[in-house]
N, C-alpha and C. Protein backbone atom coordinates (compact mmCIF):
# COMPACT_ATOMS: atom_id res chain seq x y z
N MET A 1 0.72 -1.13 0.52
CA MET A 1 -0.12 -0.39 -0.01
C MET A 1 1.39 1.57 0.18
N ARG A 2 0.72 1.85 -1.27
CA ARG A 2 1.28 3.37 -1.04
C ARG A 2 0.53 4.49 -0.45
N GLY A 3 1.62 5.78 0.60
CA GLY A 3 1.43 6.75 1.14
C GLY A 3 0.58 8.10 0.28
N ARG A 4 0.19 8.74 1.25
CA ARG A 4 -0.80 9.96 0.66
C ARG A 4 -0.08 10.67 -0.22
N THR A 5 0.00 11.44 -1.44
CA THR A 5 0.89 12.17 -2.54
C THR A 5 0.56 13.97 -1.69
N SER A 6 1.34 14.54 -2.17
CA SER A 6 0.37 15.75 -1.95
C SER A 6 -0.60 16.02 -2.43
N SER A 7 -0.48 16.00 -3.38
CA SER A 7 -1.75 15.45 -4.04
C SER A 7 -2.54 16.12 -3.88
N GLU A 8 -3.02 14.43 -3.27
CA GLU A 8 -4.06 14.02 -2.62
C GLU A 8 -4.83 14.64 -1.92
N GLY A 9 -3.68 15.90 -0.94
CA GLY A 9 -4.32 16.37 0.15
C GLY A 9 -4.29 15.36 1.67
N PRO A 10 -4.58 16.39 3.18
CA PRO A 10 -4.78 14.74 3.83
C PRO A 10 -5.73 14.34 3.70
N PRO A 11 -5.29 13.29 4.56
CA PRO A 11 -6.22 12.14 4.66
C PRO A 11 -8.48 13.33 5.48
N PRO A 12 -8.61 11.88 4.49
CA PRO A 12 -10.01 12.32 5.03
C PRO A 12 -10.89 12.50 6.60
N ARG A 13 -11.42 13.97 7.14
CA ARG A 13 -11.89 12.93 8.52
C ARG A 13 -12.55 12.44 8.76
N THR A 14 -12.79 11.23 9.84
CA THR A 14 -13.61 10.38 10.05
C THR A 14 -14.40 11.86 11.20
N ALA A 15 -15.78 11.16 11.12
CA ALA A 15 -16.41 11.84 11.56
C ALA A 15 -16.97 11.18 12.73
N THR A 16 -16.86 9.62 12.88
CA THR A 16 -17.00 8.82 14.23
C THR A 16 -15.45 8.86 14.92
N ALA A 17 -14.20 9.09 14.56
CA ALA A 17 -13.65 8.57 15.37
C ALA A 17 -13.38 9.71 16.19
N LYS A 18 -12.75 10.48 17.41
CA LYS A 18 -12.97 12.23 17.42
C LYS A 18 -11.40 11.79 18.54
N ARG A 19 -9.94 12.57 17.31
CA ARG A 19 -8.45 11.99 17.93
C ARG A 19 -8.18 13.71 17.67
N VAL A 20 -7.17 12.69 19.14
CA VAL A 20 -6.86 14.09 19.89
C VAL A 20 -5.42 14.16 19.64
N ASP A 21 -5.10 15.06 19.50
CA ASP A 21 -3.52 15.57 19.06
C ASP A 21 -2.67 15.66 20.05
N TYR A 22 -2.01 15.02 20.80
CA TYR A 22 -0.71 15.28 22.30
C TYR A 22 1.01 15.28 22.15
N THR A 23 0.69 15.79 20.71
CA THR A 23 2.20 16.44 20.78
C THR A 23 2.33 17.69 21.05
N GLY A 24 1.39 19.26 20.94
CA GLY A 24 2.13 19.69 21.43
C GLY A 24 1.84 20.15 22.63
N ALA A 25 1.74 18.67 23.48
CA ALA A 25 2.13 18.60 24.91
C ALA A 25 2.80 18.32 25.24
N VAL A 26 3.65 16.98 24.54
CA VAL A 26 4.18 17.23 24.54
C VAL A 26 5.82 18.11 23.99
N TYR A 27 5.63 18.30 23.20
CA TYR A 27 6.64 19.61 22.34
C TYR A 27 6.21 21.29 22.96
N GLY A 28 5.52 21.36 23.83
CA GLY A 28 4.58 22.38 25.23
C GLY A 28 6.30 22.45 25.96
N SER A 29 5.58 20.71 27.33
CA SER A 29 6.70 20.59 28.15
C SER A 29 8.65 20.43 27.81
N LEU A 30 8.80 19.58 26.55
CA LEU A 30 10.28 19.98 26.47
C LEU A 30 10.10 21.81 26.11
N LEU A 31 9.51 22.12 25.66
CA LEU A 31 10.05 23.88 25.91
C LEU A 31 10.01 23.94 26.86
N ALA A 32 8.95 24.41 27.56
CA ALA A 32 9.33 24.90 28.33
C ALA A 32 10.05 24.07 29.88
N ALA A 33 10.49 23.06 29.27
CA ALA A 33 12.19 22.31 30.07
C ALA A 33 12.74 22.79 29.67
N SER A 34 12.87 24.14 28.55
CA SER A 34 14.72 24.04 27.68
C SER A 34 13.87 25.62 28.85
N VAL A 35 12.82 26.17 28.76
CA VAL A 35 12.87 27.77 29.09
C VAL A 35 13.66 27.20 30.08
N VAL A 36 13.40 26.81 30.66
CA VAL A 36 13.29 26.70 33.00
C VAL A 36 14.77 26.88 32.84
N VAL A 37 15.77 25.40 32.26
CA VAL A 37 17.10 25.53 32.55
C VAL A 37 17.98 26.88 31.92
N GLY A 38 16.98 27.27 30.29
CA GLY A 38 18.12 28.69 29.72
C GLY A 38 17.95 29.84 31.26
N ALA A 39 16.42 29.81 31.91
CA ALA A 39 16.78 30.55 32.55
C ALA A 39 17.07 30.75 34.38
N GLY A 40 17.10 29.60 34.62
CA GLY A 40 18.40 29.20 36.29
C GLY A 40 19.70 28.84 35.64
N SER A 41 19.96 28.58 33.90
CA SER A 41 21.43 28.84 34.13
C SER A 41 22.02 30.07 34.14
N LEU A 42 21.47 31.08 34.25
CA LEU A 42 21.77 32.35 34.34
C LEU A 42 21.82 33.17 36.01
N GLY A 43 21.31 33.15 37.26
CA GLY A 43 21.61 32.32 37.97
C GLY A 43 20.53 33.33 38.83
N SER A 44 20.57 34.15 39.98
CA SER A 44 19.02 34.11 40.44
C SER A 44 17.64 34.69 39.62
N PHE A 45 16.50 35.10 39.81
CA PHE A 45 16.22 35.46 38.55
C PHE A 45 14.80 36.20 39.96
N PRO A 46 13.96 36.38 38.86
CA PRO A 46 12.91 37.24 40.33
C PRO A 46 12.08 35.93 39.75
N ARG A 47 10.65 35.72 40.16
CA ARG A 47 9.66 33.96 40.16
C ARG A 47 9.42 34.93 39.29
N LEU A 48 8.65 36.11 39.51
CA LEU A 48 7.64 36.49 38.47
C LEU A 48 8.23 36.32 37.05
N GLU A 49 9.10 36.44 36.62
CA GLU A 49 9.49 36.75 35.45
C GLU A 49 9.87 35.74 34.83
N LEU A 50 10.28 34.52 35.35
CA LEU A 50 10.00 33.20 35.14
C LEU A 50 9.08 32.61 34.83
N VAL A 51 8.18 32.98 35.62
CA VAL A 51 6.93 32.69 35.45
C VAL A 51 5.50 33.50 33.82
N LEU A 52 6.33 34.31 33.41
CA LEU A 52 5.80 35.50 32.87
C LEU A 52 6.91 35.15 30.91
N LEU A 53 8.28 34.27 31.49
CA LEU A 53 8.32 33.71 30.04
C LEU A 53 7.94 32.71 29.44
N LEU A 54 8.59 31.67 31.28
CA LEU A 54 7.70 30.49 30.83
C LEU A 54 5.80 30.94 29.63
N LEU A 55 5.15 31.38 29.49
CA LEU A 55 4.52 31.04 30.09
C LEU A 55 4.06 32.06 28.50
N CYS A 56 3.84 32.69 28.73
CA CYS A 56 5.79 33.73 26.20
C CYS A 56 5.52 33.78 25.61
N THR A 57 6.24 32.32 25.94
CA THR A 57 7.87 31.12 25.45
C THR A 57 6.55 30.31 24.72
N GLY A 58 5.39 29.59 25.58
CA GLY A 58 4.90 28.71 24.65
C GLY A 58 3.81 29.52 24.07
N VAL A 59 3.76 30.83 24.75
CA VAL A 59 2.38 31.56 22.65
C VAL A 59 3.40 32.03 22.38
N VAL A 60 4.10 32.78 22.37
CA VAL A 60 5.19 33.04 20.46
C VAL A 60 4.73 31.74 20.06
N PHE A 61 5.51 30.68 20.66
CA PHE A 61 5.96 28.63 19.71
C PHE A 61 4.24 28.20 19.46
N TRP A 62 3.42 28.57 20.29
CA TRP A 62 1.84 28.36 19.25
C TRP A 62 1.52 29.18 18.28
N ALA A 63 1.71 30.63 18.41
CA ALA A 63 1.12 31.31 17.35
C ALA A 63 2.35 30.19 16.43
N ALA A 64 4.02 30.31 16.19
CA ALA A 64 4.86 30.76 15.34
C ALA A 64 3.48 28.75 14.35
N HIS A 65 3.35 28.40 15.62
CA HIS A 65 3.08 26.92 15.02
C HIS A 65 1.86 26.35 14.22
N VAL A 66 0.82 27.18 15.06
CA VAL A 66 -0.30 28.17 14.29
C VAL A 66 0.11 29.01 12.78
N PHE A 67 0.98 29.07 12.51
CA PHE A 67 1.42 30.16 11.45
C PHE A 67 2.16 29.53 10.22
N ALA A 68 2.51 28.07 10.89
CA ALA A 68 3.04 27.53 9.99
C ALA A 68 1.90 26.39 9.47
N ARG A 69 1.15 25.12 10.66
CA ARG A 69 0.04 24.46 9.85
C ARG A 69 -0.78 26.01 9.00
N LEU A 70 -1.62 27.09 9.34
CA LEU A 70 -1.62 27.81 8.51
C LEU A 70 -1.05 27.45 6.92
N PHE A 71 -0.67 27.89 7.09
CA PHE A 71 0.51 28.60 5.63
C PHE A 71 1.36 27.62 5.43
N GLY A 72 3.06 26.65 6.35
CA GLY A 72 2.96 25.94 5.48
C GLY A 72 2.08 24.68 5.17
N GLU A 73 1.33 23.51 5.46
CA GLU A 73 0.83 22.69 5.31
C GLU A 73 -0.66 22.40 4.71
N ARG A 74 -1.77 23.56 5.78
CA ARG A 74 -2.71 24.06 5.30
C ARG A 74 -3.40 24.58 4.40
N ILE A 75 -2.82 25.12 3.76
CA ILE A 75 -3.23 25.71 3.02
C ILE A 75 -3.13 25.26 1.45
N ALA A 76 -2.44 25.02 1.87
CA ALA A 76 -2.91 23.22 0.21
C ALA A 76 -4.12 22.51 0.05
N TYR A 77 -4.35 22.02 1.23
CA TYR A 77 -4.96 21.69 1.37
C TYR A 77 -6.78 21.94 1.74
N VAL A 78 -6.27 22.87 2.44
CA VAL A 78 -7.76 23.13 2.30
C VAL A 78 -7.82 24.74 2.85
N PRO A 79 -9.29 24.63 2.69
CA PRO A 79 -9.11 26.75 1.59
C PRO A 79 -9.57 27.18 3.53
N MET A 80 -9.16 28.00 3.14
CA MET A 80 -8.98 29.40 5.15
C MET A 80 -10.04 29.46 4.84
N SER A 81 -10.66 29.88 5.65
CA SER A 81 -11.09 30.55 6.32
C SER A 81 -11.08 30.70 8.31
N GLY A 82 -12.23 31.36 8.80
CA GLY A 82 -12.69 31.35 10.00
C GLY A 82 -12.33 30.03 10.76
N GLN A 83 -13.13 29.77 10.51
CA GLN A 83 -13.46 27.66 10.48
C GLN A 83 -12.36 27.03 11.40
N GLU A 84 -11.67 27.71 10.03
CA GLU A 84 -10.33 27.03 9.98
C GLU A 84 -9.38 27.08 10.42
N ILE A 85 -9.02 28.63 10.22
CA ILE A 85 -7.98 29.14 11.56
C ILE A 85 -8.89 28.77 13.28
N TRP A 86 -10.05 28.81 13.44
CA TRP A 86 -9.47 28.66 14.41
C TRP A 86 -9.28 27.12 15.69
N ARG A 87 -10.14 26.49 14.34
CA ARG A 87 -9.80 24.95 14.19
C ARG A 87 -7.68 24.26 14.33
N VAL A 88 -6.98 25.33 14.11
CA VAL A 88 -5.44 24.97 14.45
C VAL A 88 -4.72 25.63 15.77
N CYS A 89 -5.76 26.39 16.15
CA CYS A 89 -4.91 27.44 16.92
C CYS A 89 -5.73 26.59 18.16
N ALA A 90 -7.32 26.00 18.45
CA ALA A 90 -7.14 24.75 19.45
C ALA A 90 -6.51 23.48 19.32
N ALA A 91 -5.92 23.30 18.32
CA ALA A 91 -5.27 22.27 17.87
C ALA A 91 -3.56 22.04 18.38
N GLU A 92 -3.64 23.38 18.22
CA GLU A 92 -1.78 23.88 18.81
C GLU A 92 -1.95 23.74 19.95
N TRP A 93 -3.30 24.40 20.43
CA TRP A 93 -3.86 25.45 21.99
C TRP A 93 -2.22 24.38 23.30
N PRO A 94 -1.68 22.73 23.01
CA PRO A 94 -1.90 22.30 24.65
C PRO A 94 -0.47 22.87 23.82
N ILE A 95 0.20 23.48 22.82
CA ILE A 95 1.89 23.89 23.59
C ILE A 95 1.64 24.92 24.81
N VAL A 96 0.89 26.05 24.92
CA VAL A 96 0.99 26.69 26.01
C VAL A 96 0.10 26.42 26.73
N LYS A 97 -0.95 25.50 26.84
CA LYS A 97 -1.00 24.58 28.42
C LYS A 97 -0.05 24.04 29.29
N ALA A 98 0.59 23.17 28.10
CA ALA A 98 2.22 22.52 28.74
C ALA A 98 2.62 23.66 29.99
N ALA A 99 3.17 24.93 29.25
CA ALA A 99 4.32 25.90 30.30
C ALA A 99 3.37 26.28 31.89
N VAL A 100 1.66 25.74 31.25
CA VAL A 100 0.74 26.31 32.25
C VAL A 100 1.84 25.83 33.79
N PRO A 101 2.47 24.39 33.97
CA PRO A 101 2.23 23.28 35.24
C PRO A 101 3.59 23.53 35.81
N PRO A 102 4.46 23.86 34.94
CA PRO A 102 5.85 24.58 35.87
C PRO A 102 6.00 26.24 36.07
N ALA A 103 5.24 26.66 35.12
CA ALA A 103 4.49 28.42 34.96
C ALA A 103 4.13 28.16 37.11
N ALA A 104 2.97 27.32 37.22
CA ALA A 104 2.83 27.03 38.52
C ALA A 104 3.24 27.02 39.63
N ALA A 105 4.03 25.64 38.92
CA ALA A 105 5.44 25.65 39.87
C ALA A 105 6.36 26.24 40.05
N VAL A 106 6.92 27.17 39.42
CA VAL A 106 7.45 28.89 39.99
C VAL A 106 6.70 29.09 40.74
N ALA A 107 5.66 29.81 40.39
CA ALA A 107 5.19 30.86 41.57
C ALA A 107 4.53 30.35 42.50
N ILE A 108 4.66 29.28 43.06
CA ILE A 108 3.80 28.02 44.51
C ILE A 108 5.98 28.17 44.94
N SER A 109 6.40 28.10 44.19
CA SER A 109 8.12 27.57 45.23
C SER A 109 8.16 28.42 46.50
N PRO A 110 7.82 29.70 46.82
CA PRO A 110 8.14 30.54 47.96
C PRO A 110 6.68 29.33 48.67
N LEU A 111 5.89 29.35 48.45
CA LEU A 111 5.21 28.48 49.62
C LEU A 111 6.16 27.22 50.11
N LEU A 112 6.41 27.02 49.53
CA LEU A 112 7.56 25.35 49.56
C LEU A 112 8.69 25.65 50.52
N GLY A 113 9.64 26.82 50.77
CA GLY A 113 10.60 27.16 50.89
C GLY A 113 10.83 27.31 49.85
N LEU A 114 11.32 27.41 48.97
CA LEU A 114 11.78 26.58 47.58
C LEU A 114 13.11 28.64 47.43
N GLY A 115 13.87 28.24 46.97
CA GLY A 115 14.85 29.08 46.56
C GLY A 115 15.45 29.26 45.40
N PRO A 116 15.72 30.07 44.27
CA PRO A 116 15.63 30.24 42.70
C PRO A 116 16.08 29.26 42.47
N GLU A 117 17.70 28.30 43.19
CA GLU A 117 18.23 26.95 42.56
C GLU A 117 16.62 25.67 42.59
N GLY A 118 16.53 25.25 44.50
CA GLY A 118 15.40 24.47 43.66
C GLY A 118 13.88 24.98 43.41
N THR A 119 13.53 26.32 42.75
CA THR A 119 12.55 25.94 42.03
C THR A 119 13.48 25.82 40.94
N VAL A 120 14.10 26.59 40.49
CA VAL A 120 14.74 26.04 38.56
C VAL A 120 14.87 24.03 38.88
N TRP A 121 15.19 23.19 39.61
CA TRP A 121 14.36 22.34 39.62
C TRP A 121 12.68 21.04 39.89
N LEU A 122 12.96 22.81 40.27
CA LEU A 122 11.41 22.10 40.79
C LEU A 122 10.43 22.84 39.50
N ALA A 123 11.34 23.20 38.59
CA ALA A 123 10.22 23.82 37.72
C ALA A 123 10.21 22.82 36.57
N LEU A 124 11.39 22.56 36.26
CA LEU A 124 12.49 21.29 34.84
C LEU A 124 11.86 19.92 35.89
N GLY A 125 11.56 19.54 37.10
CA GLY A 125 11.02 18.38 36.85
C GLY A 125 9.53 18.25 36.64
N VAL A 126 8.56 19.62 37.34
CA VAL A 126 6.96 19.47 36.18
C VAL A 126 6.77 19.42 35.34
N ALA A 127 8.06 20.10 34.37
CA ALA A 127 7.83 19.66 33.29
C ALA A 127 8.03 18.34 32.29
N ILE A 128 9.58 17.75 33.08
CA ILE A 128 9.27 15.91 32.69
C ILE A 128 8.49 15.47 32.33
N ALA A 129 7.59 16.18 33.75
CA ALA A 129 6.77 14.87 34.30
C ALA A 129 6.02 14.85 33.70
N GLY A 130 5.39 16.30 33.01
CA GLY A 130 4.69 16.82 31.76
C GLY A 130 4.80 16.14 30.25
N GLN A 131 6.12 16.32 29.99
CA GLN A 131 6.48 15.75 28.85
C GLN A 131 5.99 13.72 29.14
N VAL A 132 6.86 13.10 29.83
CA VAL A 132 6.52 11.63 30.47
C VAL A 132 4.96 11.39 29.96
N GLY A 133 4.48 12.08 30.87
CA GLY A 133 3.23 11.72 30.81
C GLY A 133 2.15 11.97 29.55
N TRP A 134 2.35 12.87 28.67
CA TRP A 134 1.14 13.54 27.22
C TRP A 134 1.53 12.45 26.21
N ALA A 135 2.75 11.95 26.30
CA ALA A 135 3.66 11.08 25.84
C ALA A 135 3.88 9.94 25.92
N ALA A 136 3.08 9.23 26.95
CA ALA A 136 2.56 8.11 27.61
C ALA A 136 0.77 8.16 27.22
N MET A 137 1.31 9.32 26.99
CA MET A 137 -0.74 9.22 26.90
C MET A 137 -0.89 9.37 26.02
N ALA A 138 -0.65 10.55 24.59
CA ALA A 138 -1.06 9.90 23.62
C ALA A 138 -0.92 8.47 23.27
N ALA A 139 0.56 7.58 23.55
CA ALA A 139 0.57 5.74 23.15
C ALA A 139 -0.59 5.43 23.35
N PHE A 140 -1.01 5.28 24.21
CA PHE A 140 -1.73 4.74 25.42
C PHE A 140 -3.60 4.98 24.41
N ARG A 141 -3.83 6.26 24.27
CA ARG A 141 -5.42 7.11 23.88
C ARG A 141 -6.00 6.16 21.86
N ALA A 142 -3.98 6.66 21.68
CA ALA A 142 -3.72 5.74 20.34
C ALA A 142 -4.14 4.23 20.12
N GLY A 143 -3.38 3.54 21.17
CA GLY A 143 -4.20 1.94 21.09
C GLY A 143 -2.73 1.25 21.35
N ALA A 144 -1.44 2.10 22.16
CA ALA A 144 -0.83 1.82 21.72
C ALA A 144 -0.39 -0.06 22.88
N THR A 145 0.40 -1.00 22.64
CA THR A 145 0.26 -2.18 23.67
C THR A 145 1.01 -1.37 24.66
N ALA A 146 0.63 -2.18 25.79
CA ALA A 146 0.85 -1.82 26.98
C ALA A 146 2.88 -1.44 27.20
N ARG A 147 3.26 -2.26 25.85
CA ARG A 147 4.66 -1.93 25.71
C ARG A 147 6.38 -0.71 24.85
N LEU A 148 4.50 -0.93 24.48
CA LEU A 148 4.81 0.84 23.02
C LEU A 148 4.64 2.23 24.09
N VAL A 149 3.90 2.27 25.11
CA VAL A 149 3.70 3.02 26.01
C VAL A 149 4.41 2.73 27.11
N LEU A 150 5.45 2.71 27.56
CA LEU A 150 6.37 2.56 28.31
C LEU A 150 7.95 2.28 27.44
N VAL A 151 7.69 2.54 25.88
CA VAL A 151 8.85 3.44 25.05
C VAL A 151 8.90 4.79 25.45
N ALA A 152 7.04 5.21 25.10
CA ALA A 152 7.01 6.40 24.44
C ALA A 152 7.43 7.36 25.41
N GLY A 153 7.02 7.42 26.98
CA GLY A 153 7.01 7.18 28.63
C GLY A 153 8.82 7.69 28.41
N VAL A 154 8.97 6.49 28.27
CA VAL A 154 10.94 6.32 28.89
C VAL A 154 11.36 6.78 27.53
N ALA A 155 10.91 7.24 26.61
CA ALA A 155 12.58 7.53 24.98
C ALA A 155 11.83 9.36 25.11
N ASN A 156 10.50 9.56 26.29
CA ASN A 156 10.25 10.81 27.19
C ASN A 156 11.18 11.04 27.64
N LEU A 157 11.03 10.79 28.93
CA LEU A 157 11.94 10.61 29.67
C LEU A 157 13.62 10.80 29.36
N ALA A 158 13.86 10.18 28.90
CA ALA A 158 15.97 9.63 28.18
C ALA A 158 15.97 12.42 27.26
N LEU A 159 14.83 12.13 26.50
CA LEU A 159 15.06 13.61 26.24
C LEU A 159 15.06 14.92 27.67
N GLY A 160 14.10 14.61 28.40
CA GLY A 160 14.53 15.44 29.76
C GLY A 160 15.06 14.89 30.13
N LEU A 161 16.16 13.92 30.80
CA LEU A 161 17.15 13.64 31.19
C LEU A 161 18.19 14.41 30.38
N LEU A 162 18.31 14.78 29.77
CA LEU A 162 18.95 15.44 28.44
C LEU A 162 19.43 16.54 28.72
N ILE A 163 18.03 17.49 28.94
CA ILE A 163 17.75 18.49 29.16
C ILE A 163 18.50 18.82 30.59
N VAL A 164 18.53 18.43 31.48
CA VAL A 164 18.47 17.95 33.73
C VAL A 164 20.35 18.15 32.70
N VAL A 165 21.16 16.64 32.17
CA VAL A 165 22.04 17.14 31.69
C VAL A 165 23.01 18.49 31.28
N LEU A 166 22.29 19.27 30.15
CA LEU A 166 22.44 19.78 29.73
C LEU A 166 22.57 21.44 31.40
N LYS A 167 21.04 20.62 31.50
CA LYS A 167 21.90 21.81 32.93
C LYS A 167 22.75 21.63 34.00
N VAL A 168 22.60 20.54 34.02
CA VAL A 168 24.42 20.52 34.40
C VAL A 168 25.29 21.10 34.05
N ALA A 169 25.02 20.79 33.47
CA ALA A 169 26.89 21.12 31.77
C ALA A 169 26.72 22.78 31.69
N LEU A 170 26.42 22.77 31.45
CA LEU A 170 25.65 25.06 31.85
C LEU A 170 26.30 25.50 33.63
N LYS A 171 25.03 24.75 34.24
CA LYS A 171 25.99 25.81 35.37
C LYS A 171 27.50 25.17 36.20
N HIS A 172 28.70 24.95 35.57
CA HIS A 172 29.48 24.07 35.81
C HIS A 172 31.08 24.41 34.64
């Protein structure tokens, strides 16, 4: 069986199956972890600044993904309409949503008695946990075997640990 060519357009949508795409949530969690590491490697920082940096970076990358989908791949296959724009905006929104838990971790870190370094580690752990959780959920919801769900989680944990290694390397 051959794949679809670009002249055939995207595969048809089925009315019966509601497909949930977790790509943005996985990507947004990895992005948030990277932002935390980048900001944390610069030393002390105001917590509000890191919260805003996380949320604003999520919004900027969301907008970039919306633009890329609308004008990069979608315009060739789907007529541009207000409904299509809103659909793509909603489909990419998990990128922003994934920044919320690490931002919330930063915001509540004073209540936990954490200084800047502890705050960075908490936010990084929350972002990586989100990334692993979303990847495993994506595999599970796609009907993957338990083994493949585990592989998805472990692969994303490895990516998260790569970010941790980067954080440690940037500090020394």
